[in-house]
Amino acid sequence: MTIEVRVPQLPESVADATLVSWHKKPGDAVARDENLVDLETDKVVLEVPHPRPASSLKSSWATARP
């Protein structure tokens, strides 16, 4: 099953965000609201949580799309 993890709504003054770290590897167990990645903007570092109940990450989980 594919789970889409979306970038949180950023203020209009923020043009972009950079993924600075992954907190999980493929095959790791992950729980709802557990931090998956950190995104850095020019003003803040945002934690992006896992949006669903507990699951295991698949190898395609690191695919980023615009």
N, C-alpha and C. Protein backbone atom coordinates (compact mmCIF):
# COMPACT_ATOMS: atom_id res chain seq x y z
N MET A 1 0.84 -1.17 0.00
CA MET A 1 0.00 0.00 0.00
C MET A 1 0.89 1.24 0.00
N THR A 2 0.55 2.20 -0.82
CA THR A 2 1.29 3.45 -0.89
C THR A 2 0.61 4.49 -0.01
N ILE A 3 1.40 5.17 0.79
CA ILE A 3 0.89 6.25 1.63
C ILE A 3 1.59 7.52 1.19
N GLU A 4 0.80 8.53 0.89
CA GLU A 4 1.35 9.80 0.47
C GLU A 4 1.62 10.66 1.69
N VAL A 5 2.83 11.17 1.78
CA VAL A 5 3.20 12.08 2.86
C VAL A 5 3.39 13.44 2.21
N ARG A 6 2.62 14.40 2.64
CA ARG A 6 2.65 15.72 2.02
C ARG A 6 3.40 16.74 2.87
N VAL A 7 3.99 17.69 2.18
CA VAL A 7 4.65 18.82 2.85
C VAL A 7 3.56 19.66 3.50
N PRO A 8 3.74 20.04 4.76
CA PRO A 8 2.74 20.90 5.41
C PRO A 8 2.59 22.23 4.67
N GLN A 9 1.46 22.86 4.86
CA GLN A 9 1.21 24.17 4.25
C GLN A 9 2.26 25.16 4.74
N LEU A 10 2.95 25.78 3.79
CA LEU A 10 3.98 26.76 4.13
C LEU A 10 3.43 28.17 3.95
N PRO A 11 3.87 29.12 4.74
CA PRO A 11 3.41 30.51 4.57
C PRO A 11 3.80 31.02 3.18
N GLU A 12 3.05 32.00 2.70
CA GLU A 12 3.32 32.56 1.37
C GLU A 12 4.73 33.15 1.26
N SER A 13 5.29 33.59 2.37
CA SER A 13 6.62 34.19 2.34
C SER A 13 7.73 33.16 2.17
N VAL A 14 7.40 31.86 2.25
CA VAL A 14 8.39 30.79 2.09
C VAL A 14 8.28 30.23 0.68
N ALA A 15 9.35 30.35 -0.09
CA ALA A 15 9.34 29.92 -1.48
C ALA A 15 9.62 28.43 -1.64
N ASP A 16 10.45 27.86 -0.79
CA ASP A 16 10.78 26.44 -0.94
C ASP A 16 11.27 25.85 0.39
N ALA A 17 11.37 24.53 0.37
CA ALA A 17 11.87 23.81 1.54
C ALA A 17 12.80 22.72 1.05
N THR A 18 13.80 22.40 1.85
CA THR A 18 14.78 21.37 1.51
C THR A 18 14.66 20.22 2.50
N LEU A 19 14.63 19.00 1.97
CA LEU A 19 14.62 17.83 2.83
C LEU A 19 16.02 17.67 3.39
N VAL A 20 16.16 17.76 4.72
CA VAL A 20 17.49 17.73 5.32
C VAL A 20 17.81 16.40 5.99
N SER A 21 16.80 15.63 6.40
CA SER A 21 17.10 14.33 6.99
C SER A 21 15.90 13.40 6.99
N TRP A 22 16.20 12.11 6.75
CA TRP A 22 15.21 11.04 6.87
C TRP A 22 15.43 10.40 8.23
N HIS A 23 14.35 10.08 8.94
CA HIS A 23 14.47 9.47 10.25
C HIS A 23 14.20 7.97 10.24
N LYS A 24 13.77 7.45 9.11
CA LYS A 24 13.47 6.02 8.98
C LYS A 24 14.11 5.47 7.73
N LYS A 25 14.35 4.14 7.73
CA LYS A 25 14.90 3.44 6.57
C LYS A 25 13.84 2.46 6.06
N PRO A 26 13.94 2.03 4.80
CA PRO A 26 13.00 1.02 4.30
C PRO A 26 13.00 -0.21 5.22
N GLY A 27 11.80 -0.69 5.53
CA GLY A 27 11.65 -1.85 6.39
C GLY A 27 11.44 -1.50 7.85
N ASP A 28 11.76 -0.26 8.24
CA ASP A 28 11.54 0.17 9.62
C ASP A 28 10.05 0.28 9.92
N ALA A 29 9.68 -0.05 11.15
CA ALA A 29 8.31 0.17 11.60
C ALA A 29 8.14 1.65 11.91
N VAL A 30 6.97 2.16 11.63
CA VAL A 30 6.69 3.57 11.90
C VAL A 30 5.25 3.70 12.40
N ALA A 31 5.06 4.52 13.41
CA ALA A 31 3.74 4.73 14.01
C ALA A 31 3.15 6.06 13.54
N ARG A 32 1.84 6.19 13.67
CA ARG A 32 1.17 7.43 13.32
C ARG A 32 1.81 8.59 14.11
N ASP A 33 2.00 9.70 13.41
CA ASP A 33 2.56 10.93 13.98
C ASP A 33 4.03 10.83 14.37
N GLU A 34 4.70 9.73 14.06
CA GLU A 34 6.14 9.64 14.30
C GLU A 34 6.86 10.42 13.21
N ASN A 35 7.89 11.16 13.59
CA ASN A 35 8.61 12.00 12.63
C ASN A 35 9.30 11.16 11.56
N LEU A 36 9.01 11.46 10.28
CA LEU A 36 9.65 10.76 9.16
C LEU A 36 10.81 11.55 8.58
N VAL A 37 10.58 12.83 8.33
CA VAL A 37 11.60 13.66 7.69
C VAL A 37 11.62 15.04 8.32
N ASP A 38 12.73 15.74 8.11
CA ASP A 38 12.85 17.15 8.50
C ASP A 38 13.00 17.96 7.22
N LEU A 39 12.20 19.02 7.12
CA LEU A 39 12.29 19.96 6.01
C LEU A 39 12.79 21.29 6.54
N GLU A 40 13.73 21.89 5.84
CA GLU A 40 14.29 23.17 6.28
C GLU A 40 13.88 24.26 5.31
N THR A 41 13.35 25.36 5.84
CA THR A 41 13.06 26.55 5.05
C THR A 41 14.06 27.61 5.47
N ASP A 42 13.94 28.79 4.91
CA ASP A 42 14.86 29.86 5.30
C ASP A 42 14.57 30.36 6.72
N LYS A 43 13.45 29.91 7.32
CA LYS A 43 13.08 30.41 8.64
C LYS A 43 13.00 29.34 9.73
N VAL A 44 12.77 28.09 9.36
CA VAL A 44 12.49 27.08 10.38
C VAL A 44 12.76 25.67 9.83
N VAL A 45 12.96 24.71 10.73
CA VAL A 45 13.03 23.30 10.36
C VAL A 45 11.71 22.67 10.78
N LEU A 46 11.02 22.04 9.83
CA LEU A 46 9.73 21.41 10.09
C LEU A 46 9.88 19.91 10.19
N GLU A 47 9.20 19.30 11.15
CA GLU A 47 9.13 17.85 11.23
C GLU A 47 7.87 17.40 10.50
N VAL A 48 8.01 16.41 9.62
CA VAL A 48 6.86 15.89 8.89
C VAL A 48 6.53 14.51 9.44
N PRO A 49 5.36 14.36 10.07
CA PRO A 49 5.01 13.08 10.70
C PRO A 49 4.38 12.09 9.72
N HIS A 50 4.41 10.83 10.10
CA HIS A 50 3.74 9.77 9.35
C HIS A 50 2.23 9.95 9.53
N PRO A 51 1.46 9.97 8.43
CA PRO A 51 0.05 10.32 8.53
C PRO A 51 -0.91 9.17 8.88
N ARG A 52 -0.44 7.94 8.93
CA ARG A 52 -1.33 6.79 9.11
C ARG A 52 -0.96 5.96 10.34
N PRO A 53 -1.85 5.02 10.70
CA PRO A 53 -1.50 4.11 11.80
C PRO A 53 -0.24 3.31 11.48
N ALA A 54 0.26 2.58 12.46
CA ALA A 54 1.51 1.83 12.34
C ALA A 54 1.61 1.04 11.05
N SER A 55 2.80 1.03 10.47
CA SER A 55 3.06 0.28 9.25
C SER A 55 4.57 0.09 9.11
N SER A 56 4.97 -0.56 8.02
CA SER A 56 6.37 -0.76 7.71
C SER A 56 6.67 -0.02 6.42
N LEU A 57 7.79 0.69 6.35
CA LEU A 57 8.12 1.44 5.15
C LEU A 57 8.68 0.52 4.08
N LYS A 58 8.28 0.75 2.85
CA LYS A 58 8.75 -0.03 1.70
C LYS A 58 9.94 0.67 1.07
N SER A 59 10.64 -0.02 0.18
CA SER A 59 11.85 0.53 -0.42
C SER A 59 11.58 1.72 -1.33
N SER A 60 10.35 1.89 -1.83
CA SER A 60 10.04 3.02 -2.70
C SER A 60 9.62 4.25 -1.91
N TRP A 61 9.67 4.20 -0.59
CA TRP A 61 9.19 5.29 0.25
C TRP A 61 9.95 6.59 0.05
N ALA A 62 11.18 6.51 -0.44
CA ALA A 62 12.01 7.72 -0.55
C ALA A 62 11.84 8.45 -1.87
N THR A 63 10.85 8.08 -2.65
CA THR A 63 10.61 8.74 -3.93
C THR A 63 9.94 10.08 -3.69
N ALA A 64 10.56 11.14 -4.10
CA ALA A 64 9.98 12.48 -3.93
C ALA A 64 9.42 12.95 -5.25
N ARG A 65 8.25 13.55 -5.18
CA ARG A 65 7.62 14.11 -6.37
C ARG A 65 7.25 15.55 -6.08
N PRO A 66 7.31 16.39 -7.12
CA PRO A 66 6.93 17.80 -6.91
C PRO A 66 5.45 17.93 -6.62
